[in-house]
Every structure is written in structure tokens, then in C-alpha cells.
């Protein structure tokens, strides 16, 4: 009698286990390793120029160029060319740097607690051989910084974070663009 009571439970457990296993396996069915745009990894070379800085905030060009090169390497769609031989040349200019108050101290509505820092760049990607414009648009990178006693020092520390956000967006536009 004991064996017959647990038989439906055991078969139900087996069916449940099979269903969970099928769900887990099917979740990865559409996943592919490599670039998501159909290109083979590293099939095109890209060159990133240093962007002129037209903002009032100094020393932004280097973090942006470094972050963009790093993002392009991590994505793997493009092979980074640094000797002037890239098939795609990415240029741009840093056009606007903004620090916008987003929150204030609880008992003082005048003193800012956090700022939203935005860096706007006009990015242009051109195919070197044909001159075809692949990307020509403004891109905004942003991050949040807390208002501390030395705000200029805090902004120097946040510059790489804003540059990384900008680079992620530019890389996404380049990678998912139509060629």
C-alpha cells in the first residue's frame, strides 16, 4: 500500500523536472556567441580619433577616446586599428558638458545633494574607402555625482564613468547600424 501512494507523486515529480529542464534549455535556444548584427567578429577595422573638446570642462577627450576604444575591443565586432588603416573612421567633438541638480538636502531645498552630469558629443563614423557615412548623430553620456566639499575633484573622478556611458552608446550605434 505504501508504494502505491507515492507512485503518483514520483511520476508527477518526474514530469515537473522534465518541464523545468525543457524551459531552461529552450531559454538559450536563440543565443549566439559573437556580434549580434550578423557580421563575423573582427571582420572590419575601426579607428578612433581623439575628439576635440569644445566644452568648458578640461581633460575630457582622453577618457572618451580610451573608453570608446575599450568598448569597441570588448564588443568584438570590430578590430581596433591605431595606425591610420581602419576601414571605418570614427571622429567626433565634445559639444556640451552639463551638471544638472537632481536632488536636494532633505531640510534645505537650496543645497544640491546630487547632480546628473551629461556629456554630449557629435559622433561621425565614415567608411574610409567609399566615404559612406555610417553614423552621424549626437550621443549623450551621463552619470550621477554627489555634491561633496571638493566638487571639481568629484567631477574628475566621474569623467571616466560619463565617458564609458557615452562609449557604450556609440558602440551600440556602430555595431547595430545598418551597413
N, C-alpha and C. Protein backbone atom coordinates (compact mmCIF):
# COMPACT_ATOMS: atom_id res chain seq x y z
N UNK A 1 0.82 -1.19 0.00
CA UNK A 1 0.00 0.00 0.00
C UNK A 1 0.87 1.26 0.00
N UNK A 2 1.96 1.24 0.71
CA UNK A 2 2.85 2.40 0.75
C UNK A 2 3.37 2.76 -0.63
N UNK A 3 3.75 1.77 -1.44
CA UNK A 3 4.31 2.03 -2.75
C UNK A 3 3.29 2.67 -3.69
N UNK A 4 2.03 2.34 -3.58
CA UNK A 4 1.02 2.89 -4.49
C UNK A 4 0.66 4.33 -4.14
N UNK A 5 0.84 4.71 -2.89
CA UNK A 5 0.54 6.09 -2.51
C UNK A 5 1.58 7.06 -3.09
N UNK A 6 2.81 6.64 -3.17
CA UNK A 6 3.88 7.54 -3.61
C UNK A 6 4.14 7.46 -5.11
N UNK A 7 3.54 6.51 -5.80
CA UNK A 7 3.76 6.37 -7.23
C UNK A 7 3.28 7.60 -8.01
N UNK A 8 2.06 8.13 -7.77
CA UNK A 8 1.66 9.35 -8.50
C UNK A 8 2.56 10.54 -8.16
N UNK A 9 3.00 10.62 -6.92
CA UNK A 9 3.87 11.72 -6.52
C UNK A 9 5.19 11.66 -7.28
N UNK A 10 5.75 10.45 -7.38
CA UNK A 10 7.03 10.29 -8.08
C UNK A 10 6.89 10.61 -9.57
N UNK A 11 5.83 10.16 -10.21
CA UNK A 11 5.66 10.43 -11.64
C UNK A 11 5.38 11.92 -11.87
N UNK A 12 4.65 12.56 -10.96
CA UNK A 12 4.40 13.99 -11.06
C UNK A 12 5.69 14.78 -10.91
N UNK A 13 6.57 14.32 -10.01
CA UNK A 13 7.86 14.96 -9.81
C UNK A 13 8.73 14.82 -11.05
N UNK A 14 8.66 13.66 -11.70
CA UNK A 14 9.45 13.43 -12.92
C UNK A 14 8.96 14.35 -14.03
N UNK A 15 7.64 14.51 -14.16
CA UNK A 15 7.08 15.39 -15.20
C UNK A 15 7.47 16.84 -14.93
N UNK A 16 7.39 17.25 -13.67
CA UNK A 16 7.78 18.61 -13.30
C UNK A 16 9.25 18.86 -13.59
N UNK A 17 10.10 17.90 -13.25
CA UNK A 17 11.54 18.03 -13.51
C UNK A 17 11.82 18.14 -15.00
N UNK A 18 11.13 17.34 -15.81
CA UNK A 18 11.32 17.39 -17.25
C UNK A 18 10.87 18.74 -17.81
N UNK A 19 9.77 19.28 -17.29
CA UNK A 19 9.28 20.57 -17.76
C UNK A 19 10.25 21.69 -17.42
N UNK A 20 10.80 21.67 -16.21
CA UNK A 20 11.78 22.69 -15.80
C UNK A 20 13.04 22.59 -16.66
N UNK A 21 13.49 21.37 -16.93
CA UNK A 21 14.68 21.19 -17.76
C UNK A 21 14.43 21.69 -19.18
N UNK A 22 13.24 21.46 -19.73
CA UNK A 22 12.92 21.93 -21.07
C UNK A 22 12.89 23.45 -21.13
N UNK A 23 12.36 24.08 -20.09
CA UNK A 23 12.34 25.54 -20.05
C UNK A 23 13.75 26.12 -19.99
N UNK A 24 14.60 25.52 -19.18
CA UNK A 24 15.96 26.01 -19.05
C UNK A 24 16.73 25.87 -20.35
N UNK A 25 16.59 24.76 -21.03
CA UNK A 25 17.31 24.53 -22.28
C UNK A 25 16.77 25.44 -23.38
N UNK A 26 15.47 25.65 -23.44
CA UNK A 26 14.90 26.48 -24.50
C UNK A 26 15.22 27.95 -24.31
N UNK A 27 15.56 28.38 -23.12
CA UNK A 27 15.91 29.78 -22.88
C UNK A 27 17.17 30.20 -23.60
N UNK A 28 18.04 29.27 -23.91
CA UNK A 28 19.30 29.58 -24.58
C UNK A 28 19.24 29.27 -26.07
N UNK A 29 18.09 28.88 -26.58
CA UNK A 29 17.99 28.43 -27.97
C UNK A 29 18.35 29.52 -28.97
N UNK A 30 18.03 30.78 -28.71
CA UNK A 30 18.31 31.85 -29.64
C UNK A 30 19.63 32.54 -29.40
N UNK A 31 20.40 32.11 -28.44
CA UNK A 31 21.64 32.79 -28.10
C UNK A 31 22.75 32.40 -29.06
N UNK A 32 23.49 33.40 -29.53
CA UNK A 32 24.64 33.16 -30.38
C UNK A 32 25.85 33.85 -29.77
N UNK A 33 27.00 33.24 -29.90
CA UNK A 33 28.23 33.84 -29.42
C UNK A 33 28.76 34.76 -30.51
N UNK A 34 29.23 35.93 -30.13
CA UNK A 34 29.80 36.87 -31.09
C UNK A 34 28.90 38.06 -31.31
N UNK A 35 29.20 38.85 -32.34
CA UNK A 35 28.43 40.05 -32.63
C UNK A 35 26.97 39.75 -32.91
N UNK A 36 26.11 40.69 -32.54
CA UNK A 36 24.67 40.49 -32.68
C UNK A 36 24.13 41.00 -34.01
N UNK A 37 24.96 41.58 -34.85
CA UNK A 37 24.47 42.17 -36.09
C UNK A 37 24.69 41.30 -37.31
N UNK A 38 25.15 40.08 -37.14
CA UNK A 38 25.35 39.18 -38.26
C UNK A 38 26.74 39.23 -38.87
N UNK A 39 27.54 40.22 -38.52
CA UNK A 39 28.91 40.30 -39.02
C UNK A 39 29.77 39.31 -38.25
N UNK A 40 30.83 38.84 -38.89
CA UNK A 40 31.74 37.98 -38.16
C UNK A 40 32.66 38.85 -37.31
N UNK A 41 33.05 38.31 -36.18
CA UNK A 41 33.85 39.08 -35.21
C UNK A 41 35.17 39.54 -35.83
N UNK A 42 35.48 40.81 -35.65
CA UNK A 42 36.74 41.38 -36.12
C UNK A 42 36.86 41.49 -37.62
N UNK A 43 35.74 41.39 -38.34
CA UNK A 43 35.81 41.42 -39.80
C UNK A 43 36.09 42.81 -40.36
N UNK A 44 35.82 43.83 -39.59
CA UNK A 44 36.06 45.21 -40.03
C UNK A 44 36.99 45.89 -39.03
N UNK A 45 37.79 46.81 -39.52
CA UNK A 45 38.68 47.54 -38.64
C UNK A 45 38.13 48.94 -38.43
N UNK A 46 38.35 49.46 -37.25
CA UNK A 46 37.85 50.78 -36.89
C UNK A 46 38.98 51.58 -36.25
N UNK A 47 38.99 52.85 -36.56
CA UNK A 47 39.98 53.76 -35.99
C UNK A 47 39.23 54.87 -35.27
N UNK A 48 39.66 55.16 -34.05
CA UNK A 48 39.02 56.19 -33.24
C UNK A 48 39.99 57.36 -33.07
N UNK A 49 39.56 58.52 -33.56
CA UNK A 49 40.38 59.73 -33.42
C UNK A 49 40.10 60.39 -32.07
N UNK A 50 41.02 61.20 -31.62
CA UNK A 50 40.82 61.99 -30.40
C UNK A 50 39.82 63.10 -30.71
N UNK A 51 38.79 63.23 -29.88
CA UNK A 51 37.73 64.21 -30.13
C UNK A 51 38.13 65.58 -29.57
N UNK A 52 38.00 66.63 -30.36
CA UNK A 52 38.23 67.98 -29.83
C UNK A 52 37.19 68.30 -28.75
N UNK A 53 37.63 68.98 -27.71
CA UNK A 53 36.76 69.31 -26.58
C UNK A 53 36.34 70.78 -26.69
N UNK A 54 35.06 71.01 -27.00
CA UNK A 54 34.52 72.37 -27.09
C UNK A 54 33.72 72.75 -25.85
N UNK A 55 33.90 72.01 -24.77
CA UNK A 55 33.20 72.32 -23.52
C UNK A 55 34.12 73.13 -22.62
N UNK A 56 33.57 73.62 -21.54
CA UNK A 56 34.39 74.36 -20.56
C UNK A 56 35.08 73.43 -19.56
N UNK A 57 34.75 72.15 -19.59
CA UNK A 57 35.36 71.18 -18.68
C UNK A 57 36.62 70.61 -19.35
N UNK A 58 37.79 70.81 -18.73
CA UNK A 58 39.03 70.34 -19.36
C UNK A 58 39.22 68.83 -19.21
N UNK A 59 40.13 68.29 -20.00
CA UNK A 59 40.58 66.90 -19.91
C UNK A 59 39.46 65.86 -20.09
N UNK A 60 38.60 66.04 -21.06
CA UNK A 60 37.56 65.05 -21.34
C UNK A 60 37.88 64.21 -22.58
N UNK A 61 38.70 64.70 -23.47
CA UNK A 61 38.98 63.99 -24.73
C UNK A 61 39.63 62.64 -24.50
N UNK A 62 40.60 62.58 -23.61
CA UNK A 62 41.33 61.33 -23.39
C UNK A 62 40.45 60.25 -22.78
N UNK A 63 39.66 60.54 -21.72
CA UNK A 63 38.79 59.48 -21.18
C UNK A 63 37.76 58.98 -22.20
N UNK A 64 37.26 59.87 -23.05
CA UNK A 64 36.27 59.45 -24.06
C UNK A 64 36.92 58.54 -25.09
N UNK A 65 38.08 58.93 -25.61
CA UNK A 65 38.77 58.10 -26.61
C UNK A 65 39.15 56.75 -26.02
N UNK A 66 39.66 56.75 -24.79
CA UNK A 66 40.05 55.49 -24.13
C UNK A 66 38.83 54.59 -23.93
N UNK A 67 37.73 55.15 -23.44
CA UNK A 67 36.53 54.35 -23.19
C UNK A 67 35.95 53.81 -24.49
N UNK A 68 35.96 54.60 -25.55
CA UNK A 68 35.41 54.15 -26.82
C UNK A 68 36.26 53.02 -27.41
N UNK A 69 37.56 53.16 -27.34
CA UNK A 69 38.44 52.09 -27.84
C UNK A 69 38.24 50.81 -27.03
N UNK A 70 38.14 50.96 -25.73
CA UNK A 70 37.94 49.80 -24.85
C UNK A 70 36.60 49.11 -25.16
N UNK A 71 35.53 49.87 -25.32
CA UNK A 71 34.22 49.29 -25.62
C UNK A 71 34.23 48.57 -26.97
N UNK A 72 34.86 49.16 -27.96
CA UNK A 72 34.92 48.52 -29.28
C UNK A 72 35.71 47.22 -29.22
N UNK A 73 36.77 47.19 -28.44
CA UNK A 73 37.54 45.95 -28.28
C UNK A 73 36.72 44.90 -27.54
N UNK A 74 36.02 45.30 -26.50
CA UNK A 74 35.23 44.34 -25.72
C UNK A 74 34.08 43.78 -26.54
N UNK A 75 33.47 44.59 -27.40
CA UNK A 75 32.35 44.11 -28.21
C UNK A 75 32.79 43.03 -29.18
N UNK A 76 33.93 43.22 -29.81
CA UNK A 76 34.46 42.21 -30.70
C UNK A 76 33.99 42.28 -32.14
N UNK A 77 33.04 43.14 -32.46
CA UNK A 77 32.57 43.25 -33.84
C UNK A 77 33.68 43.84 -34.72
N UNK A 78 34.38 44.81 -34.21
CA UNK A 78 35.43 45.48 -34.95
C UNK A 78 36.80 45.12 -34.39
N UNK A 79 37.78 45.21 -35.25
CA UNK A 79 39.18 45.10 -34.82
C UNK A 79 39.71 46.52 -34.76
N UNK A 80 40.32 46.90 -33.66
CA UNK A 80 40.79 48.27 -33.48
C UNK A 80 42.08 48.49 -34.25
N UNK A 81 42.09 49.52 -35.08
CA UNK A 81 43.27 49.89 -35.86
C UNK A 81 43.78 51.22 -35.33
N UNK A 82 45.06 51.30 -35.05
CA UNK A 82 45.60 52.53 -34.50
C UNK A 82 46.65 53.16 -35.41
N UNK A 83 46.87 52.57 -36.56
CA UNK A 83 47.93 53.08 -37.45
C UNK A 83 47.39 53.84 -38.66
N UNK A 84 46.14 54.26 -38.62
CA UNK A 84 45.55 55.01 -39.72
C UNK A 84 45.01 54.14 -40.84
N UNK A 85 44.89 52.84 -40.60
CA UNK A 85 44.45 51.94 -41.66
C UNK A 85 43.04 51.39 -41.43
N UNK A 86 42.28 51.97 -40.54
CA UNK A 86 40.95 51.46 -40.24
C UNK A 86 39.98 51.65 -41.39
N UNK A 87 39.14 50.64 -41.63
CA UNK A 87 38.12 50.74 -42.68
C UNK A 87 37.04 51.76 -42.30
N UNK A 88 36.77 51.85 -41.01
CA UNK A 88 35.79 52.80 -40.50
C UNK A 88 36.53 53.79 -39.61
N UNK A 89 36.35 55.06 -39.88
CA UNK A 89 36.99 56.09 -39.08
C UNK A 89 35.93 56.80 -38.24
N UNK A 90 36.12 56.78 -36.93
CA UNK A 90 35.19 57.42 -36.00
C UNK A 90 35.81 58.73 -35.52
N UNK A 91 35.12 59.82 -35.80
CA UNK A 91 35.55 61.13 -35.34
C UNK A 91 34.39 61.75 -34.58
N UNK A 92 34.68 62.82 -33.92
CA UNK A 92 33.62 63.50 -33.19
C UNK A 92 34.15 64.72 -32.49
N UNK A 93 33.24 65.37 -31.80
CA UNK A 93 33.62 66.52 -30.99
C UNK A 93 32.73 66.56 -29.77
N UNK A 94 33.33 66.92 -28.66
CA UNK A 94 32.59 67.06 -27.41
C UNK A 94 31.98 68.45 -27.40
N UNK A 95 30.65 68.51 -27.39
CA UNK A 95 29.99 69.79 -27.60
C UNK A 95 29.38 70.41 -26.35
N UNK A 96 28.99 69.59 -25.39
CA UNK A 96 28.31 70.17 -24.23
C UNK A 96 28.58 69.32 -22.98
N UNK A 97 28.82 69.99 -21.88
CA UNK A 97 29.01 69.35 -20.58
C UNK A 97 28.08 70.06 -19.62
N UNK A 98 27.18 69.28 -19.01
CA UNK A 98 26.19 69.88 -18.12
C UNK A 98 26.21 69.18 -16.76
N UNK A 99 25.98 69.97 -15.74
CA UNK A 99 25.81 69.45 -14.38
C UNK A 99 24.45 69.96 -13.90
N UNK A 100 23.49 69.03 -13.83
CA UNK A 100 22.11 69.40 -13.52
C UNK A 100 21.74 68.88 -12.12
N UNK A 101 21.28 69.75 -11.24
CA UNK A 101 20.86 69.28 -9.90
C UNK A 101 19.66 68.34 -10.02
N UNK A 102 19.74 67.19 -9.33
CA UNK A 102 18.63 66.24 -9.38
C UNK A 102 18.00 65.98 -8.01
N UNK A 103 18.76 66.22 -6.94
CA UNK A 103 18.16 66.06 -5.61
C UNK A 103 18.80 67.06 -4.65
N UNK A 104 18.04 67.38 -3.62
CA UNK A 104 18.48 68.40 -2.67
C UNK A 104 18.50 67.81 -1.27
N UNK A 105 19.21 68.50 -0.38
CA UNK A 105 19.27 68.03 1.01
C UNK A 105 17.87 68.08 1.61
N UNK A 106 17.55 67.11 2.49
CA UNK A 106 16.18 66.98 3.00
C UNK A 106 15.59 68.24 3.62
N UNK A 107 16.34 68.96 4.40
CA UNK A 107 15.80 70.13 5.09
C UNK A 107 16.27 71.45 4.49
N UNK A 108 16.87 71.37 3.28
CA UNK A 108 17.41 72.57 2.65
C UNK A 108 17.19 72.46 1.14
N UNK A 109 16.18 73.11 0.63
CA UNK A 109 15.85 72.96 -0.79
C UNK A 109 16.75 73.77 -1.72
N UNK A 110 17.72 74.45 -1.16
CA UNK A 110 18.65 75.23 -1.97
C UNK A 110 19.95 74.45 -2.22
N UNK A 111 20.39 73.67 -1.25
CA UNK A 111 21.65 72.96 -1.35
C UNK A 111 21.46 71.63 -2.09
N UNK A 112 22.18 71.49 -3.19
CA UNK A 112 22.09 70.29 -4.02
C UNK A 112 22.83 69.13 -3.37
N UNK A 113 22.21 67.96 -3.41
CA UNK A 113 22.84 66.75 -2.89
C UNK A 113 23.48 65.94 -4.03
N UNK A 114 22.76 65.80 -5.16
CA UNK A 114 23.25 65.02 -6.30
C UNK A 114 23.08 65.80 -7.59
N UNK A 115 24.04 65.60 -8.49
CA UNK A 115 23.99 66.20 -9.81
C UNK A 115 23.96 65.09 -10.87
N UNK A 116 23.24 65.34 -11.94
CA UNK A 116 23.29 64.49 -13.12
C UNK A 116 24.27 65.16 -14.07
N UNK A 117 25.36 64.46 -14.38
CA UNK A 117 26.38 65.01 -15.26
C UNK A 117 26.17 64.42 -16.66
N UNK A 118 26.05 65.31 -17.65
CA UNK A 118 25.81 64.89 -19.03
C UNK A 118 26.93 65.40 -19.92
N UNK A 119 27.39 64.54 -20.79
CA UNK A 119 28.40 64.91 -21.79
C UNK A 119 27.81 64.59 -23.16
N UNK A 120 27.68 65.61 -23.99
CA UNK A 120 27.13 65.45 -25.33
C UNK A 120 28.26 65.50 -26.34
N UNK A 121 28.24 64.57 -27.27
CA UNK A 121 29.24 64.52 -28.33
C UNK A 121 28.54 64.33 -29.66
N UNK A 122 29.05 64.99 -30.67
CA UNK A 122 28.57 64.75 -32.03
C UNK A 122 29.53 63.74 -32.65
N UNK A 123 29.01 62.56 -32.99
CA UNK A 123 29.83 61.46 -33.46
C UNK A 123 29.57 61.24 -34.95
N UNK A 124 30.66 60.96 -35.65
CA UNK A 124 30.56 60.69 -37.09
C UNK A 124 31.46 59.49 -37.40
N UNK A 125 30.89 58.49 -38.04
CA UNK A 125 31.64 57.32 -38.48
C UNK A 125 31.53 57.23 -39.99
N UNK A 126 32.67 57.15 -40.66
CA UNK A 126 32.71 57.16 -42.12
C UNK A 126 33.53 55.97 -42.60
N UNK A 127 33.02 55.32 -43.63
CA UNK A 127 33.76 54.25 -44.27
C UNK A 127 34.87 54.88 -45.10
N UNK A 128 36.10 54.51 -44.82
CA UNK A 128 37.24 55.19 -45.44
C UNK A 128 37.28 55.01 -46.96
N UNK A 129 37.03 53.84 -47.45
CA UNK A 129 37.14 53.57 -48.88
C UNK A 129 36.08 54.27 -49.71
N UNK A 130 34.83 54.19 -49.28
CA UNK A 130 33.73 54.73 -50.09
C UNK A 130 33.28 56.12 -49.66
N UNK A 131 33.63 56.53 -48.45
CA UNK A 131 33.17 57.81 -47.93
C UNK A 131 31.74 57.76 -47.41
N UNK A 132 31.17 56.57 -47.36
CA UNK A 132 29.79 56.40 -46.89
C UNK A 132 29.72 56.74 -45.40
N UNK A 133 28.74 57.58 -45.04
CA UNK A 133 28.54 57.97 -43.65
C UNK A 133 27.73 56.87 -42.96
N UNK A 134 28.32 56.25 -41.96
CA UNK A 134 27.67 55.16 -41.24
C UNK A 134 26.92 55.66 -40.00
N UNK A 135 27.43 56.73 -39.43
CA UNK A 135 26.82 57.28 -38.21
C UNK A 135 27.11 58.77 -38.18
N UNK A 136 26.08 59.55 -37.92
CA UNK A 136 26.23 61.00 -37.81
C UNK A 136 25.13 61.48 -36.88
N UNK A 137 25.45 61.56 -35.60
CA UNK A 137 24.42 61.94 -34.63
C UNK A 137 25.03 62.40 -33.31
N UNK A 138 24.20 63.05 -32.52
CA UNK A 138 24.60 63.43 -31.16
C UNK A 138 24.33 62.27 -30.22
N UNK A 139 25.24 62.05 -29.32
CA UNK A 139 25.12 60.99 -28.32
C UNK A 139 25.40 61.62 -26.96
N UNK A 140 24.62 61.23 -25.95
CA UNK A 140 24.77 61.79 -24.61
C UNK A 140 25.16 60.69 -23.64
N UNK A 141 26.25 60.92 -22.91
CA UNK A 141 26.66 60.04 -21.82
C UNK A 141 26.32 60.73 -20.53
N UNK A 142 25.95 59.94 -19.52
CA UNK A 142 25.56 60.57 -18.25
C UNK A 142 25.92 59.68 -17.08
N UNK A 143 26.03 60.34 -15.93
CA UNK A 143 26.24 59.66 -14.66
C UNK A 143 25.85 60.63 -13.55
N UNK A 144 25.76 60.13 -12.35
CA UNK A 144 25.37 60.95 -11.21
C UNK A 144 26.55 61.11 -10.27
N UNK A 145 26.70 62.32 -9.75
CA UNK A 145 27.77 62.61 -8.80
C UNK A 145 27.16 63.29 -7.58
N UNK A 146 27.68 62.93 -6.40
CA UNK A 146 27.22 63.57 -5.17
C UNK A 146 27.98 64.87 -4.97
N UNK A 147 27.27 65.84 -4.42
CA UNK A 147 27.88 67.12 -4.09
C UNK A 147 28.71 66.93 -2.83
N UNK A 148 30.00 67.05 -2.97
CA UNK A 148 30.92 66.94 -1.84
C UNK A 148 31.64 68.27 -1.69
N UNK A 149 32.48 68.37 -0.68
CA UNK A 149 33.19 69.62 -0.42
C UNK A 149 34.05 70.04 -1.62
N UNK A 150 34.68 69.07 -2.28
CA UNK A 150 35.55 69.36 -3.43
C UNK A 150 34.88 68.83 -4.70
N UNK A 151 33.94 69.60 -5.25
CA UNK A 151 33.16 69.17 -6.41
C UNK A 151 34.02 68.99 -7.65
N UNK A 152 35.04 69.81 -7.83
CA UNK A 152 35.89 69.66 -9.02
C UNK A 152 36.64 68.33 -8.99
N UNK A 153 37.06 67.91 -7.82
CA UNK A 153 37.73 66.62 -7.67
C UNK A 153 36.74 65.48 -7.96
N UNK A 154 35.51 65.61 -7.49
CA UNK A 154 34.48 64.60 -7.74
C UNK A 154 34.18 64.51 -9.24
N UNK A 155 34.16 65.64 -9.92
CA UNK A 155 33.90 65.63 -11.36
C UNK A 155 35.04 64.98 -12.14
N UNK A 156 36.27 65.15 -11.68
CA UNK A 156 37.40 64.47 -12.33
C UNK A 156 37.26 62.96 -12.18
N UNK A 157 36.74 62.53 -11.03
CA UNK A 157 36.57 61.10 -10.81
C UNK A 157 35.39 60.53 -11.60
N UNK A 158 34.41 61.37 -11.89
CA UNK A 158 33.24 60.88 -12.63
C UNK A 158 33.44 60.94 -14.14
N UNK A 159 34.43 61.68 -14.61
CA UNK A 159 34.67 61.80 -16.06
C UNK A 159 34.80 60.44 -16.74
N UNK A 160 35.55 59.47 -16.19
CA UNK A 160 35.61 58.16 -16.86
C UNK A 160 34.26 57.44 -16.90
N UNK A 161 33.42 57.64 -15.89
CA UNK A 161 32.10 56.99 -15.88
C UNK A 161 31.19 57.57 -16.95
N UNK A 162 31.21 58.88 -17.11
CA UNK A 162 30.42 59.53 -18.16
C UNK A 162 30.95 59.10 -19.52
N UNK A 163 32.27 59.03 -19.65
CA UNK A 163 32.89 58.62 -20.91
C UNK A 163 32.51 57.18 -21.26
N UNK A 164 32.48 56.29 -20.27
CA UNK A 164 32.10 54.90 -20.50
C UNK A 164 30.64 54.79 -20.96
N UNK A 165 29.76 55.57 -20.36
CA UNK A 165 28.36 55.54 -20.77
C UNK A 165 28.23 56.02 -22.22
N UNK A 166 28.92 57.09 -22.54
CA UNK A 166 28.92 57.60 -23.91
C UNK A 166 29.48 56.56 -24.87
N UNK A 167 30.56 55.92 -24.50
CA UNK A 167 31.20 54.91 -25.36
C UNK A 167 30.30 53.70 -25.57
N UNK A 168 29.58 53.26 -24.54
CA UNK A 168 28.64 52.14 -24.69
C UNK A 168 27.57 52.47 -25.72
N UNK A 169 27.06 53.69 -25.67
CA UNK A 169 26.01 54.10 -26.60
C UNK A 169 26.56 54.21 -28.03
N UNK A 170 27.72 54.80 -28.19
CA UNK A 170 28.32 54.94 -29.52
C UNK A 170 28.61 53.55 -30.10
N UNK A 171 29.18 52.67 -29.30
CA UNK A 171 29.46 51.31 -29.75
C UNK A 171 28.19 50.60 -30.18
N UNK A 172 27.12 50.77 -29.43
CA UNK A 172 25.84 50.17 -29.79
C UNK A 172 25.35 50.67 -31.13
N UNK A 173 25.46 51.98 -31.37
CA UNK A 173 25.04 52.54 -32.65
C UNK A 173 25.89 52.01 -33.80
N UNK A 174 27.19 51.89 -33.56
CA UNK A 174 28.09 51.38 -34.61
C UNK A 174 27.83 49.91 -34.90
N UNK A 175 27.67 49.13 -33.87
CA UNK A 175 27.52 47.69 -34.02
C UNK A 175 26.16 47.32 -34.61
N UNK A 176 25.12 47.98 -34.16
CA UNK A 176 23.77 47.63 -34.61
C UNK A 176 23.33 48.43 -35.82
N UNK A 177 24.21 49.26 -36.34
CA UNK A 177 23.86 50.07 -37.51
C UNK A 177 23.70 49.22 -38.75
N UNK A 178 23.03 49.77 -39.74
CA UNK A 178 22.86 49.05 -41.00
C UNK A 178 24.01 49.38 -41.92
N UNK A 179 24.60 48.40 -42.47
CA UNK A 179 25.75 48.61 -43.35
C UNK A 179 25.29 48.38 -44.74
